[in-house]
Full PDB file with SEQRES, HELIX, SHEET, SSBOND, CRYST1, ORIGX, SCALE, CONECT and MASTER records, all heavy atoms in Angstrom:
SEQRES   1 A   34  VAL GLY LEU ASP TYR LEU THR LEU ASP ARG GLU SER GLN          
SEQRES   2 A   34  THR LEU SER GLY GLY GLU ALA GLN ARG ILE HIS LEU ALA          
SEQRES   3 A   34  THR GLN ILE GLY SER GLY LEU THR                              
HELIX    1 AA1 SER A   12  THR A   14  5                                   3    
HELIX    2 AA2 GLY A   17  SER A   31  1                                  15    
CRYST1    1.000    1.000    1.000  90.00  90.00  90.00 P 1           1          
ORIGX1      1.000000  0.000000  0.000000        0.00000                         
ORIGX2      0.000000  1.000000  0.000000        0.00000                         
ORIGX3      0.000000  0.000000  1.000000        0.00000                         
SCALE1      1.000000  0.000000  0.000000        0.00000                         
SCALE2      0.000000  1.000000  0.000000        0.00000                         
SCALE3      0.000000  0.000000  1.000000        0.00000                         
ATOM      1  N   VAL A   1      62.604 128.867  84.542  1.00  0.00           N  
ATOM      2  CA  VAL A   1      63.713 127.966  84.144  1.00  0.00           C  
ATOM      3  C   VAL A   1      63.393 126.517  84.527  1.00  0.00           C  
ATOM      4  O   VAL A   1      64.279 125.666  84.583  1.00  0.00           O  
ATOM      5  CB  VAL A   1      65.084 128.401  84.741  1.00  0.00           C  
ATOM      6  CG1 VAL A   1      65.564 129.681  84.101  1.00  0.00           C  
ATOM      7  CG2 VAL A   1      65.044 128.530  86.257  1.00  0.00           C  
ATOM      8  N   GLY A   2      62.117 126.249  84.801  1.00  0.00           N  
ATOM      9  CA  GLY A   2      61.680 124.868  85.032  1.00  0.00           C  
ATOM     10  C   GLY A   2      61.986 124.328  86.407  1.00  0.00           C  
ATOM     11  O   GLY A   2      62.154 123.123  86.597  1.00  0.00           O  
ATOM     12  N   LEU A   3      62.074 125.217  87.432  1.00  0.00           N  
ATOM     13  CA  LEU A   3      62.408 124.745  88.783  1.00  0.00           C  
ATOM     14  C   LEU A   3      61.264 124.962  89.767  1.00  0.00           C  
ATOM     15  O   LEU A   3      61.488 125.070  90.976  1.00  0.00           O  
ATOM     16  CB  LEU A   3      63.669 125.474  89.294  1.00  0.00           C  
ATOM     17  CG  LEU A   3      64.971 125.191  88.549  1.00  0.00           C  
ATOM     18  CD1 LEU A   3      66.086 126.070  89.077  1.00  0.00           C  
ATOM     19  CD2 LEU A   3      65.374 123.727  88.675  1.00  0.00           C  
ATOM     20  N   ASP A   4      60.019 125.017  89.255  1.00  0.00           N  
ATOM     21  CA  ASP A   4      58.906 125.307  90.161  1.00  0.00           C  
ATOM     22  C   ASP A   4      58.631 124.179  91.161  1.00  0.00           C  
ATOM     23  O   ASP A   4      57.911 124.366  92.128  1.00  0.00           O  
ATOM     24  CB  ASP A   4      57.634 125.638  89.370  1.00  0.00           C  
ATOM     25  CG  ASP A   4      57.231 124.518  88.419  1.00  0.00           C  
ATOM     26  OD1 ASP A   4      57.981 123.530  88.323  1.00  0.00           O  
ATOM     27  OD2 ASP A   4      56.172 124.637  87.772  1.00  0.00           O  
ATOM     28  N   TYR A   5      59.243 123.009  90.949  1.00  0.00           N  
ATOM     29  CA  TYR A   5      59.021 121.870  91.852  1.00  0.00           C  
ATOM     30  C   TYR A   5      59.952 121.895  93.068  1.00  0.00           C  
ATOM     31  O   TYR A   5      59.744 121.193  94.046  1.00  0.00           O  
ATOM     32  CB  TYR A   5      59.239 120.555  91.088  1.00  0.00           C  
ATOM     33  CG  TYR A   5      60.619 120.439  90.480  1.00  0.00           C  
ATOM     34  CD1 TYR A   5      61.678 119.925  91.215  1.00  0.00           C  
ATOM     35  CD2 TYR A   5      60.858 120.865  89.177  1.00  0.00           C  
ATOM     36  CE1 TYR A   5      62.957 119.834  90.657  1.00  0.00           C  
ATOM     37  CE2 TYR A   5      62.123 120.779  88.613  1.00  0.00           C  
ATOM     38  CZ  TYR A   5      63.165 120.258  89.359  1.00  0.00           C  
ATOM     39  OH  TYR A   5      64.413 120.177  88.817  1.00  0.00           O  
ATOM     40  N   LEU A   6      61.039 122.689  93.024  1.00  0.00           N  
ATOM     41  CA  LEU A   6      62.015 122.712  94.129  1.00  0.00           C  
ATOM     42  C   LEU A   6      61.415 123.399  95.349  1.00  0.00           C  
ATOM     43  O   LEU A   6      60.735 124.411  95.231  1.00  0.00           O  
ATOM     44  CB  LEU A   6      63.282 123.477  93.734  1.00  0.00           C  
ATOM     45  CG  LEU A   6      64.292 122.811  92.807  1.00  0.00           C  
ATOM     46  CD1 LEU A   6      65.496 123.723  92.635  1.00  0.00           C  
ATOM     47  CD2 LEU A   6      64.739 121.460  93.326  1.00  0.00           C  
ATOM     48  N   THR A   7      61.684 122.861  96.541  1.00  0.00           N  
ATOM     49  CA  THR A   7      61.278 123.572  97.754  1.00  0.00           C  
ATOM     50  C   THR A   7      62.323 124.642  98.033  1.00  0.00           C  
ATOM     51  O   THR A   7      63.492 124.484  97.690  1.00  0.00           O  
ATOM     52  CB  THR A   7      61.174 122.620  98.966  1.00  0.00           C  
ATOM     53  OG1 THR A   7      62.426 121.955  99.135  1.00  0.00           O  
ATOM     54  CG2 THR A   7      60.080 121.595  98.782  1.00  0.00           C  
ATOM     55  N   LEU A   8      61.913 125.726  98.647  1.00  0.00           N  
ATOM     56  CA  LEU A   8      62.810 126.863  98.861  1.00  0.00           C  
ATOM     57  C   LEU A   8      63.943 126.536  99.840  1.00  0.00           C  
ATOM     58  O   LEU A   8      64.978 127.192  99.830  1.00  0.00           O  
ATOM     59  CB  LEU A   8      62.013 128.073  99.360  1.00  0.00           C  
ATOM     60  CG  LEU A   8      61.043 128.675  98.341  1.00  0.00           C  
ATOM     61  CD1 LEU A   8      60.154 129.722  98.996  1.00  0.00           C  
ATOM     62  CD2 LEU A   8      61.793 129.285  97.169  1.00  0.00           C  
ATOM     63  N   ASP A   9      63.751 125.527 100.695  1.00  0.00           N  
ATOM     64  CA  ASP A   9      64.802 125.194 101.672  1.00  0.00           C  
ATOM     65  C   ASP A   9      65.684 124.023 101.227  1.00  0.00           C  
ATOM     66  O   ASP A   9      66.459 123.489 102.010  1.00  0.00           O  
ATOM     67  CB  ASP A   9      64.188 124.885 103.039  1.00  0.00           C  
ATOM     68  CG  ASP A   9      63.357 123.602 103.035  1.00  0.00           C  
ATOM     69  OD1 ASP A   9      63.062 123.089 101.922  1.00  0.00           O  
ATOM     70  OD2 ASP A   9      63.004 123.100 104.120  1.00  0.00           O  
ATOM     71  N   ARG A  10      65.568 123.620  99.969  1.00  0.00           N  
ATOM     72  CA  ARG A  10      66.358 122.484  99.457  1.00  0.00           C  
ATOM     73  C   ARG A  10      67.858 122.775  99.590  1.00  0.00           C  
ATOM     74  O   ARG A  10      68.319 123.845  99.217  1.00  0.00           O  
ATOM     75  CB  ARG A  10      65.993 122.261  97.993  1.00  0.00           C  
ATOM     76  CG  ARG A  10      66.774 121.183  97.274  1.00  0.00           C  
ATOM     77  CD  ARG A  10      66.225 119.801  97.538  1.00  0.00           C  
ATOM     78  NE  ARG A  10      66.884 118.869  96.631  1.00  0.00           N  
ATOM     79  CZ  ARG A  10      66.358 118.442  95.494  1.00  0.00           C  
ATOM     80  NH1 ARG A  10      65.156 118.832  95.128  1.00  0.00           N  
ATOM     81  NH2 ARG A  10      67.022 117.611  94.724  1.00  0.00           N  
ATOM     82  N   GLU A  11      68.626 121.831 100.129  1.00  0.00           N  
ATOM     83  CA  GLU A  11      70.067 122.043 100.301  1.00  0.00           C  
ATOM     84  C   GLU A  11      70.759 122.115  98.950  1.00  0.00           C  
ATOM     85  O   GLU A  11      70.528 121.281  98.082  1.00  0.00           O  
ATOM     86  CB  GLU A  11      70.670 120.887 101.119  1.00  0.00           C  
ATOM     87  CG  GLU A  11      70.420 121.012 102.603  1.00  0.00           C  
ATOM     88  CD  GLU A  11      71.181 119.955 103.391  1.00  0.00           C  
ATOM     89  OE1 GLU A  11      72.325 119.616 103.010  1.00  0.00           O  
ATOM     90  OE2 GLU A  11      70.625 119.452 104.373  1.00  0.00           O  
ATOM     91  N   SER A  12      71.628 123.116  98.793  1.00  0.00           N  
ATOM     92  CA  SER A  12      72.317 123.331  97.507  1.00  0.00           C  
ATOM     93  C   SER A  12      73.075 122.094  97.054  1.00  0.00           C  
ATOM     94  O   SER A  12      73.107 121.771  95.870  1.00  0.00           O  
ATOM     95  CB  SER A  12      73.294 124.500  97.630  1.00  0.00           C  
ATOM     96  OG  SER A  12      72.610 125.653  98.021  1.00  0.00           O  
ATOM     97  N   GLN A  13      73.704 121.375  98.013  1.00  0.00           N  
ATOM     98  CA  GLN A  13      74.541 120.238  97.622  1.00  0.00           C  
ATOM     99  C   GLN A  13      73.731 119.054  97.098  1.00  0.00           C  
ATOM    100  O   GLN A  13      74.285 118.136  96.504  1.00  0.00           O  
ATOM    101  CB  GLN A  13      75.419 119.792  98.790  1.00  0.00           C  
ATOM    102  CG  GLN A  13      74.641 119.250  99.981  1.00  0.00           C  
ATOM    103  CD  GLN A  13      75.489 119.167 101.230  1.00  0.00           C  
ATOM    104  OE1 GLN A  13      76.304 120.024 101.492  1.00  0.00           O  
ATOM    105  NE2 GLN A  13      75.307 118.116 101.999  1.00  0.00           N  
ATOM    106  N   THR A  14      72.406 119.082  97.290  1.00  0.00           N  
ATOM    107  CA  THR A  14      71.581 117.974  96.790  1.00  0.00           C  
ATOM    108  C   THR A  14      71.032 118.278  95.389  1.00  0.00           C  
ATOM    109  O   THR A  14      70.346 117.452  94.804  1.00  0.00           O  
ATOM    110  CB  THR A  14      70.391 117.679  97.732  1.00  0.00           C  
ATOM    111  OG1 THR A  14      69.509 118.814  97.730  1.00  0.00           O  
ATOM    112  CG2 THR A  14      70.849 117.399  99.151  1.00  0.00           C  
ATOM    113  N   LEU A  15      71.333 119.466  94.869  1.00  0.00           N  
ATOM    114  CA  LEU A  15      70.855 119.827  93.528  1.00  0.00           C  
ATOM    115  C   LEU A  15      71.700 119.145  92.469  1.00  0.00           C  
ATOM    116  O   LEU A  15      72.908 118.959  92.653  1.00  0.00           O  
ATOM    117  CB  LEU A  15      70.941 121.340  93.319  1.00  0.00           C  
ATOM    118  CG  LEU A  15      70.068 122.220  94.218  1.00  0.00           C  
ATOM    119  CD1 LEU A  15      70.445 123.673  94.038  1.00  0.00           C  
ATOM    120  CD2 LEU A  15      68.594 122.013  93.913  1.00  0.00           C  
ATOM    121  N   SER A  16      71.087 118.795  91.352  1.00  0.00           N  
ATOM    122  CA  SER A  16      71.855 118.253  90.231  1.00  0.00           C  
ATOM    123  C   SER A  16      72.608 119.409  89.574  1.00  0.00           C  
ATOM    124  O   SER A  16      72.305 120.583  89.814  1.00  0.00           O  
ATOM    125  CB  SER A  16      70.923 117.608  89.210  1.00  0.00           C  
ATOM    126  OG  SER A  16      70.154 118.609  88.560  1.00  0.00           O  
ATOM    127  N   GLY A  17      73.582 119.079  88.717  1.00  0.00           N  
ATOM    128  CA  GLY A  17      74.368 120.100  88.024  1.00  0.00           C  
ATOM    129  C   GLY A  17      73.492 121.039  87.219  1.00  0.00           C  
ATOM    130  O   GLY A  17      73.658 122.263  87.247  1.00  0.00           O  
ATOM    131  N   GLY A  18      72.488 120.453  86.513  1.00  0.00           N  
ATOM    132  CA  GLY A  18      71.583 121.257  85.688  1.00  0.00           C  
ATOM    133  C   GLY A  18      70.726 122.188  86.529  1.00  0.00           C  
ATOM    134  O   GLY A  18      70.492 123.346  86.168  1.00  0.00           O  
ATOM    135  N   GLU A  19      70.245 121.703  87.692  1.00  0.00           N  
ATOM    136  CA  GLU A  19      69.406 122.524  88.569  1.00  0.00           C  
ATOM    137  C   GLU A  19      70.196 123.711  89.123  1.00  0.00           C  
ATOM    138  O   GLU A  19      69.707 124.843  89.141  1.00  0.00           O  
ATOM    139  CB  GLU A  19      68.855 121.671  89.715  1.00  0.00           C  
ATOM    140  CG  GLU A  19      67.761 120.713  89.278  1.00  0.00           C  
ATOM    141  CD  GLU A  19      67.365 119.733  90.366  1.00  0.00           C  
ATOM    142  OE1 GLU A  19      68.183 119.458  91.276  1.00  0.00           O  
ATOM    143  OE2 GLU A  19      66.237 119.218  90.299  1.00  0.00           O  
ATOM    144  N   ALA A  20      71.443 123.436  89.550  1.00  0.00           N  
ATOM    145  CA  ALA A  20      72.287 124.506  90.110  1.00  0.00           C  
ATOM    146  C   ALA A  20      72.537 125.577  89.055  1.00  0.00           C  
ATOM    147  O   ALA A  20      72.488 126.783  89.338  1.00  0.00           O  
ATOM    148  CB  ALA A  20      73.605 123.923  90.603  1.00  0.00           C  
ATOM    149  N   GLN A  21      72.778 125.117  87.823  1.00  0.00           N  
ATOM    150  CA  GLN A  21      73.061 126.055  86.734  1.00  0.00           C  
ATOM    151  C   GLN A  21      71.838 126.924  86.434  1.00  0.00           C  
ATOM    152  O   GLN A  21      71.953 128.125  86.178  1.00  0.00           O  
ATOM    153  CB  GLN A  21      73.488 125.259  85.497  1.00  0.00           C  
ATOM    154  CG  GLN A  21      74.225 126.100  84.473  1.00  0.00           C  
ATOM    155  CD  GLN A  21      74.812 125.239  83.376  1.00  0.00           C  
ATOM    156  OE1 GLN A  21      74.216 124.253  82.975  1.00  0.00           O  
ATOM    157  NE2 GLN A  21      75.972 125.607  82.883  1.00  0.00           N  
ATOM    158  N   ARG A  22      70.659 126.317  86.503  1.00  0.00           N  
ATOM    159  CA  ARG A  22      69.444 127.065  86.187  1.00  0.00           C  
ATOM    160  C   ARG A  22      69.083 128.059  87.295  1.00  0.00           C  
ATOM    161  O   ARG A  22      68.515 129.111  87.034  1.00  0.00           O  
ATOM    162  CB  ARG A  22      68.296 126.096  85.887  1.00  0.00           C  
ATOM    163  CG  ARG A  22      68.375 125.573  84.458  1.00  0.00           C  
ATOM    164  CD  ARG A  22      67.292 124.595  84.144  1.00  0.00           C  
ATOM    165  NE  ARG A  22      67.615 123.266  84.648  1.00  0.00           N  
ATOM    166  CZ  ARG A  22      66.725 122.448  85.173  1.00  0.00           C  
ATOM    167  NH1 ARG A  22      65.472 122.812  85.287  1.00  0.00           N  
ATOM    168  NH2 ARG A  22      67.092 121.251  85.586  1.00  0.00           N  
ATOM    169  N   ILE A  23      69.438 127.727  88.553  1.00  0.00           N  
ATOM    170  CA  ILE A  23      69.226 128.695  89.650  1.00  0.00           C  
ATOM    171  C   ILE A  23      70.135 129.906  89.419  1.00  0.00           C  
ATOM    172  O   ILE A  23      69.736 131.051  89.577  1.00  0.00           O  
ATOM    173  CB  ILE A  23      69.520 128.035  91.019  1.00  0.00           C  
ATOM    174  CG1 ILE A  23      68.341 127.126  91.414  1.00  0.00           C  
ATOM    175  CG2 ILE A  23      69.739 129.085  92.103  1.00  0.00           C  
ATOM    176  CD1 ILE A  23      68.486 126.435  92.738  1.00  0.00           C  
ATOM    177  N   HIS A  24      71.361 129.617  89.012  1.00  0.00           N  
ATOM    178  CA  HIS A  24      72.330 130.676  88.686  1.00  0.00           C  
ATOM    179  C   HIS A  24      71.765 131.559  87.575  1.00  0.00           C  
ATOM    180  O   HIS A  24      71.858 132.795  87.612  1.00  0.00           O  
ATOM    181  CB  HIS A  24      73.634 130.010  88.232  1.00  0.00           C  
ATOM    182  CG  HIS A  24      74.833 130.882  88.365  1.00  0.00           C  
ATOM    183  ND1 HIS A  24      76.081 130.403  88.709  1.00  0.00           N  
ATOM    184  CD2 HIS A  24      74.991 132.210  88.194  1.00  0.00           C  
ATOM    185  CE1 HIS A  24      76.934 131.419  88.740  1.00  0.00           C  
ATOM    186  NE2 HIS A  24      76.302 132.513  88.434  1.00  0.00           N  
ATOM    187  N   LEU A  25      71.166 130.913  86.605  1.00  0.00           N  
ATOM    188  CA  LEU A  25      70.596 131.598  85.449  1.00  0.00           C  
ATOM    189  C   LEU A  25      69.445 132.516  85.877  1.00  0.00           C  
ATOM    190  O   LEU A  25      69.348 133.673  85.449  1.00  0.00           O  
ATOM    191  CB  LEU A  25      70.082 130.550  84.456  1.00  0.00           C  
ATOM    192  CG  LEU A  25      69.927 130.927  82.997  1.00  0.00           C  
ATOM    193  CD1 LEU A  25      71.234 131.415  82.419  1.00  0.00           C  
ATOM    194  CD2 LEU A  25      69.427 129.725  82.208  1.00  0.00           C  
ATOM    195  N   ALA A  26      68.571 131.973  86.742  1.00  0.00           N  
ATOM    196  CA  ALA A  26      67.425 132.742  87.233  1.00  0.00           C  
ATOM    197  C   ALA A  26      67.906 133.991  87.979  1.00  0.00           C  
ATOM    198  O   ALA A  26      67.312 135.068  87.873  1.00  0.00           O  
ATOM    199  CB  ALA A  26      66.561 131.881  88.156  1.00  0.00           C  
ATOM    200  N   THR A  27      69.009 133.848  88.732  1.00  0.00           N  
ATOM    201  CA  THR A  27      69.576 134.979  89.475  1.00  0.00           C  
ATOM    202  C   THR A  27      70.050 136.060  88.510  1.00  0.00           C  
ATOM    203  O   THR A  27      69.884 137.251  88.756  1.00  0.00           O  
ATOM    204  CB  THR A  27      70.778 134.489  90.325  1.00  0.00           C  
ATOM    205  OG1 THR A  27      70.367 133.347  91.071  1.00  0.00           O  
ATOM    206  CG2 THR A  27      71.254 135.546  91.290  1.00  0.00           C  
ATOM    207  N   GLN A  28      70.662 135.617  87.391  1.00  0.00           N  
ATOM    208  CA  GLN A  28      71.179 136.579  86.413  1.00  0.00           C  
ATOM    209  C   GLN A  28      70.056 137.363  85.732  1.00  0.00           C  
ATOM    210  O   GLN A  28      70.176 138.554  85.502  1.00  0.00           O  
ATOM    211  CB  GLN A  28      72.017 135.855  85.348  1.00  0.00           C  
ATOM    212  CG  GLN A  28      73.326 135.304  85.868  1.00  0.00           C  
ATOM    213  CD  GLN A  28      74.183 136.372  86.522  1.00  0.00           C  
ATOM    214  OE1 GLN A  28      74.317 137.476  86.014  1.00  0.00           O  
ATOM    215  NE2 GLN A  28      74.737 136.051  87.678  1.00  0.00           N  
ATOM    216  N   ILE A  29      68.952 136.683  85.437  1.00  0.00           N  
ATOM    217  CA  ILE A  29      67.817 137.372  84.812  1.00  0.00           C  
ATOM    218  C   ILE A  29      67.290 138.421  85.783  1.00  0.00           C  
ATOM    219  O   ILE A  29      66.973 139.547  85.403  1.00  0.00           O  
ATOM    220  CB  ILE A  29      66.690 136.382  84.445  1.00  0.00           C  
ATOM    221  CG1 ILE A  29      67.212 135.352  83.456  1.00  0.00           C  
ATOM    222  CG2 ILE A  29      65.497 137.121  83.856  1.00  0.00           C  
ATOM    223  CD1 ILE A  29      66.294 134.180  83.271  1.00  0.00           C  
ATOM    224  N   GLY A  30      67.249 138.026  87.062  1.00  0.00           N  
ATOM    225  CA  GLY A  30      66.769 138.942  88.098  1.00  0.00           C  
ATOM    226  C   GLY A  30      67.627 140.183  88.232  1.00  0.00           C  
ATOM    227  O   GLY A  30      67.145 141.254  88.605  1.00  0.00           O  
ATOM    228  N   SER A  31      68.930 140.055  87.921  1.00  0.00           N  
ATOM    229  CA  SER A  31      69.833 141.208  88.061  1.00  0.00           C  
ATOM    230  C   SER A  31      69.589 142.247  86.963  1.00  0.00           C  
ATOM    231  O   SER A  31      69.936 143.412  87.116  1.00  0.00           O  
ATOM    232  CB  SER A  31      71.295 140.748  88.007  1.00  0.00           C  
ATOM    233  OG  SER A  31      71.607 140.258  86.712  1.00  0.00           O  
ATOM    234  N   GLY A  32      69.010 141.823  85.815  1.00  0.00           N  
ATOM    235  CA  GLY A  32      68.661 142.752  84.735  1.00  0.00           C  
ATOM    236  C   GLY A  32      69.845 143.447  84.080  1.00  0.00           C  
ATOM    237  O   GLY A  32      69.712 144.553  83.571  1.00  0.00           O  
ATOM    238  N   LEU A  33      71.005 142.819  84.098  1.00  0.00           N  
ATOM    239  CA  LEU A  33      72.194 143.437  83.493  1.00  0.00           C  
ATOM    240  C   LEU A  33      72.112 143.402  81.970  1.00  0.00           C  
ATOM    241  O   LEU A  33      71.455 142.545  81.387  1.00  0.00           O  
ATOM    242  CB  LEU A  33      73.464 142.688  83.936  1.00  0.00           C  
ATOM    243  CG  LEU A  33      73.819 142.770  85.424  1.00  0.00           C  
ATOM    244  CD1 LEU A  33      74.976 141.844  85.724  1.00  0.00           C  
ATOM    245  CD2 LEU A  33      74.159 144.183  85.841  1.00  0.00           C  
ATOM    246  N   THR A  34      72.826 144.354  81.320  1.00  0.00           N  
ATOM    247  CA  THR A  34      72.933 144.333  79.858  1.00  0.00           C  
ATOM    248  C   THR A  34      74.405 144.437  79.484  1.00  0.00           C  
ATOM    249  O   THR A  34      75.243 144.832  80.299  1.00  0.00           O  
ATOM    250  CB  THR A  34      72.179 145.521  79.221  1.00  0.00           C  
ATOM    251  OG1 THR A  34      72.777 146.738  79.692  1.00  0.00           O  
ATOM    252  CG2 THR A  34      70.711 145.508  79.571  1.00  0.00           C  
TER     253      THR A  34                                                      
MASTER        0    0    0    2    0    0    0    6  252    1    0    3          
END                                                                             
């Protein structure tokens, strides 16, 4: 989802709206729901 530049310890509140949304998206893909 284009977030390979983020460090793993980056504070959530410093993420832009688009970055936060894409992390959410990555989590959903990982869940594998249908």
